[in-house]
Amino acid sequence: MFKNRLWIFQQDSAPAYRARSTQNWLTARGIDFIAHEDWVSSSPDLNPLDYKIWQHLEEKVCAKPHQNLESIRSSLAKAAAEIDMNVVRAAIDDCPRRLRACIQNIRGHFE
């Protein structure tokens, strides 16, 4: 998926991510990551999953009304299984631009 390109695991300040065991696990496996103390907890949606993939899934899932939670779950699982990898790659490739925009706008609003 990444075609031997360098990548960095992004995490936020969620308790599970900032747990010492999680940090140690990533470090022990040589995984490059942004430490929780370097990631602002109220940061804008810079994670491709947050700003693009969830939006894509929501559009698919909410295209029809659901009668219950199980219907939503089923529709979400189906939409996730059918997601085009080009959508995922495009979201990942857009991440550096979004990071630069965030820095230029001093964490202000941007699209």
C-alpha atoms as a PDB file:
ATOM      1  CA  MET A   1       0.000   0.000   0.000  1.00  0.00           C
ATOM      2  CA  PHE A   2       2.804   2.441   0.808  1.00  0.00           C
ATOM      3  CA  LYS A   3       5.166   1.310  -1.973  1.00  0.00           C
ATOM      4  CA  ASN A   4       8.195   1.317   0.356  1.00  0.00           C
ATOM      5  CA  ARG A   5       7.650   4.985   1.228  1.00  0.00           C
ATOM      6  CA  LEU A   6       8.546   6.217   4.683  1.00  0.00           C
ATOM      7  CA  TRP A   7       5.601   6.782   6.968  1.00  0.00           C
ATOM      8  CA  ILE A   8       4.960   7.828  10.554  1.00  0.00           C
ATOM      9  CA  PHE A   9       2.251   6.394  12.775  1.00  0.00           C
ATOM     10  CA  GLN A  10       0.028   9.225  13.973  1.00  0.00           C
ATOM     11  CA  GLN A  11      -1.722   9.118  17.303  1.00  0.00           C
ATOM     12  CA  ASP A  12      -3.464  11.633  19.492  1.00  0.00           C
ATOM     13  CA  SER A  13      -3.748  12.001  23.235  1.00  0.00           C
ATOM     14  CA  ALA A  14      -6.315   9.263  23.740  1.00  0.00           C
ATOM     15  CA  PRO A  15      -5.446   7.269  26.880  1.00  0.00           C
ATOM     16  CA  ALA A  16      -4.844   4.040  24.952  1.00  0.00           C
ATOM     17  CA  TYR A  17      -2.309   5.741  22.679  1.00  0.00           C
ATOM     18  CA  ARG A  18      -0.410   7.576  25.359  1.00  0.00           C
ATOM     19  CA  ALA A  19      -0.162   4.511  27.601  1.00  0.00           C
ATOM     20  CA  ARG A  20       3.436   3.616  28.387  1.00  0.00           C
ATOM     21  CA  SER A  21       2.802   0.065  27.131  1.00  0.00           C
ATOM     22  CA  THR A  22       1.660   1.396  23.736  1.00  0.00           C
ATOM     23  CA  GLN A  23       4.630   3.746  23.464  1.00  0.00           C
ATOM     24  CA  ASN A  24       7.007   0.923  24.424  1.00  0.00           C
ATOM     25  CA  TRP A  25       5.381  -1.495  21.966  1.00  0.00           C
ATOM     26  CA  LEU A  26       5.836   0.941  19.062  1.00  0.00           C
ATOM     27  CA  THR A  27       9.405   1.746  20.061  1.00  0.00           C
ATOM     28  CA  ALA A  28      10.361  -1.941  20.462  1.00  0.00           C
ATOM     29  CA  ARG A  29       9.175  -2.651  16.919  1.00  0.00           C
ATOM     30  CA  GLY A  30      11.022   0.294  15.401  1.00  0.00           C
ATOM     31  CA  ILE A  31       7.792   2.022  14.402  1.00  0.00           C
ATOM     32  CA  ASP A  32       8.257   5.756  13.906  1.00  0.00           C
ATOM     33  CA  PHE A  33       5.424   7.631  15.578  1.00  0.00           C
ATOM     34  CA  ILE A  34       4.375  11.064  16.769  1.00  0.00           C
ATOM     35  CA  ALA A  35       4.491  10.906  20.557  1.00  0.00           C
ATOM     36  CA  HIS A  36       1.299  11.942  22.328  1.00  0.00           C
ATOM     37  CA  GLU A  37       2.992  14.911  23.983  1.00  0.00           C
ATOM     38  CA  ASP A  38       3.825  16.267  20.511  1.00  0.00           C
ATOM     39  CA  TRP A  39       0.248  16.001  19.269  1.00  0.00           C
ATOM     40  CA  VAL A  40      -2.242  18.611  20.459  1.00  0.00           C
ATOM     41  CA  SER A  41      -5.283  16.905  22.003  1.00  0.00           C
ATOM     42  CA  SER A  42      -7.704  19.380  20.427  1.00  0.00           C
ATOM     43  CA  SER A  43      -5.948  19.314  17.067  1.00  0.00           C
ATOM     44  CA  PRO A  44      -7.863  19.685  13.819  1.00  0.00           C
ATOM     45  CA  ASP A  45      -8.727  16.550  11.898  1.00  0.00           C
ATOM     46  CA  LEU A  46      -5.377  15.881  10.282  1.00  0.00           C
ATOM     47  CA  ASN A  47      -5.634  12.121  10.365  1.00  0.00           C
ATOM     48  CA  PRO A  48      -6.811  10.843   6.944  1.00  0.00           C
ATOM     49  CA  LEU A  49      -9.248   8.515   8.686  1.00  0.00           C
ATOM     50  CA  ASP A  50     -10.846  11.471  10.461  1.00  0.00           C
ATOM     51  CA  TYR A  51     -11.124  13.959   7.626  1.00  0.00           C
ATOM     52  CA  LYS A  52     -11.697  11.778   4.592  1.00  0.00           C
ATOM     53  CA  ILE A  53     -12.395   8.106   5.188  1.00  0.00           C
ATOM     54  CA  TRP A  54     -15.106   8.584   7.827  1.00  0.00           C
ATOM     55  CA  GLN A  55     -16.704  11.218   5.569  1.00  0.00           C
ATOM     56  CA  HIS A  56     -16.701   8.773   2.676  1.00  0.00           C
ATOM     57  CA  LEU A  57     -18.191   5.992   4.816  1.00  0.00           C
ATOM     58  CA  GLU A  58     -20.797   8.328   6.295  1.00  0.00           C
ATOM     59  CA  GLU A  59     -21.956   9.364   2.820  1.00  0.00           C
ATOM     60  CA  LYS A  60     -22.380   5.710   1.851  1.00  0.00           C
ATOM     61  CA  VAL A  61     -24.032   4.576   5.086  1.00  0.00           C
ATOM     62  CA  CYS A  62     -26.354   7.562   5.480  1.00  0.00           C
ATOM     63  CA  ALA A  63     -27.571   7.419   1.882  1.00  0.00           C
ATOM     64  CA  LYS A  64     -30.546   5.408   3.135  1.00  0.00           C
ATOM     65  CA  PRO A  65     -32.478   5.449   6.417  1.00  0.00           C
ATOM     66  CA  HIS A  66     -31.801   2.739   8.983  1.00  0.00           C
ATOM     67  CA  GLN A  67     -34.342   1.197  11.313  1.00  0.00           C
ATOM     68  CA  ASN A  68     -31.902   0.054  13.988  1.00  0.00           C
ATOM     69  CA  LEU A  69     -28.286  -0.046  15.109  1.00  0.00           C
ATOM     70  CA  GLU A  70     -27.651  -3.448  13.531  1.00  0.00           C
ATOM     71  CA  SER A  71     -28.668  -2.077  10.131  1.00  0.00           C
ATOM     72  CA  ILE A  72     -26.181   0.784  10.528  1.00  0.00           C
ATOM     73  CA  ARG A  73     -23.429  -1.607  11.592  1.00  0.00           C
ATOM     74  CA  SER A  74     -24.089  -3.889   8.653  1.00  0.00           C
ATOM     75  CA  SER A  75     -24.134  -1.002   6.198  1.00  0.00           C
ATOM     76  CA  LEU A  76     -20.916   0.424   7.663  1.00  0.00           C
ATOM     77  CA  ALA A  77     -19.129  -2.934   7.426  1.00  0.00           C
ATOM     78  CA  LYS A  78     -20.252  -3.328   3.806  1.00  0.00           C
ATOM     79  CA  ALA A  79     -19.153   0.215   2.890  1.00  0.00           C
ATOM     80  CA  ALA A  80     -15.765  -0.292   4.580  1.00  0.00           C
ATOM     81  CA  ALA A  81     -15.199  -3.570   2.720  1.00  0.00           C
ATOM     82  CA  GLU A  82     -16.006  -1.868  -0.587  1.00  0.00           C
ATOM     83  CA  ILE A  83     -13.911   1.278  -0.103  1.00  0.00           C
ATOM     84  CA  ASP A  84     -11.702   1.997  -3.078  1.00  0.00           C
ATOM     85  CA  MET A  85      -8.019   1.960  -2.114  1.00  0.00           C
ATOM     86  CA  ASN A  86      -7.543   4.985  -4.372  1.00  0.00           C
ATOM     87  CA  VAL A  87      -9.705   6.959  -1.933  1.00  0.00           C
ATOM     88  CA  VAL A  88      -7.476   5.803   0.943  1.00  0.00           C
ATOM     89  CA  ARG A  89      -4.269   6.607  -0.943  1.00  0.00           C
ATOM     90  CA  ALA A  90      -5.565  10.054  -1.968  1.00  0.00           C
ATOM     91  CA  ALA A  91      -6.407  10.854   1.655  1.00  0.00           C
ATOM     92  CA  ILE A  92      -2.958   9.753   2.812  1.00  0.00           C
ATOM     93  CA  ASP A  93      -1.228  11.668   0.018  1.00  0.00           C
ATOM     94  CA  ASP A  94      -3.156  14.828   0.985  1.00  0.00           C
ATOM     95  CA  CYS A  95      -1.924  14.662   4.588  1.00  0.00           C
ATOM     96  CA  PRO A  96       1.327  16.669   4.090  1.00  0.00           C
ATOM     97  CA  ARG A  97      -0.643  19.494   2.439  1.00  0.00           C
ATOM     98  CA  ARG A  98      -3.091  19.559   5.355  1.00  0.00           C
ATOM     99  CA  LEU A  99      -0.230  19.613   7.861  1.00  0.00           C
ATOM    100  CA  ARG A 100       1.367  22.580   6.063  1.00  0.00           C
ATOM    101  CA  ALA A 101      -1.983  24.395   5.947  1.00  0.00           C
ATOM    102  CA  CYS A 102      -2.436  23.831   9.674  1.00  0.00           C
ATOM    103  CA  ILE A 103       1.014  25.250  10.418  1.00  0.00           C
ATOM    104  CA  GLN A 104       0.454  28.244   8.121  1.00  0.00           C
ATOM    105  CA  ASN A 105      -2.898  29.013   9.748  1.00  0.00           C
ATOM    106  CA  ILE A 106      -1.506  28.598  13.273  1.00  0.00           C
ATOM    107  CA  ARG A 107      -4.057  25.876  14.010  1.00  0.00           C
ATOM    108  CA  GLY A 108      -6.881  28.033  12.675  1.00  0.00           C
ATOM    109  CA  HIS A 109      -9.648  26.834  10.358  1.00  0.00           C
ATOM    110  CA  PHE A 110      -8.693  25.594   6.909  1.00  0.00           C
ATOM    111  CA  GLU A 111     -10.046  23.251   4.260  1.00  0.00           C
END
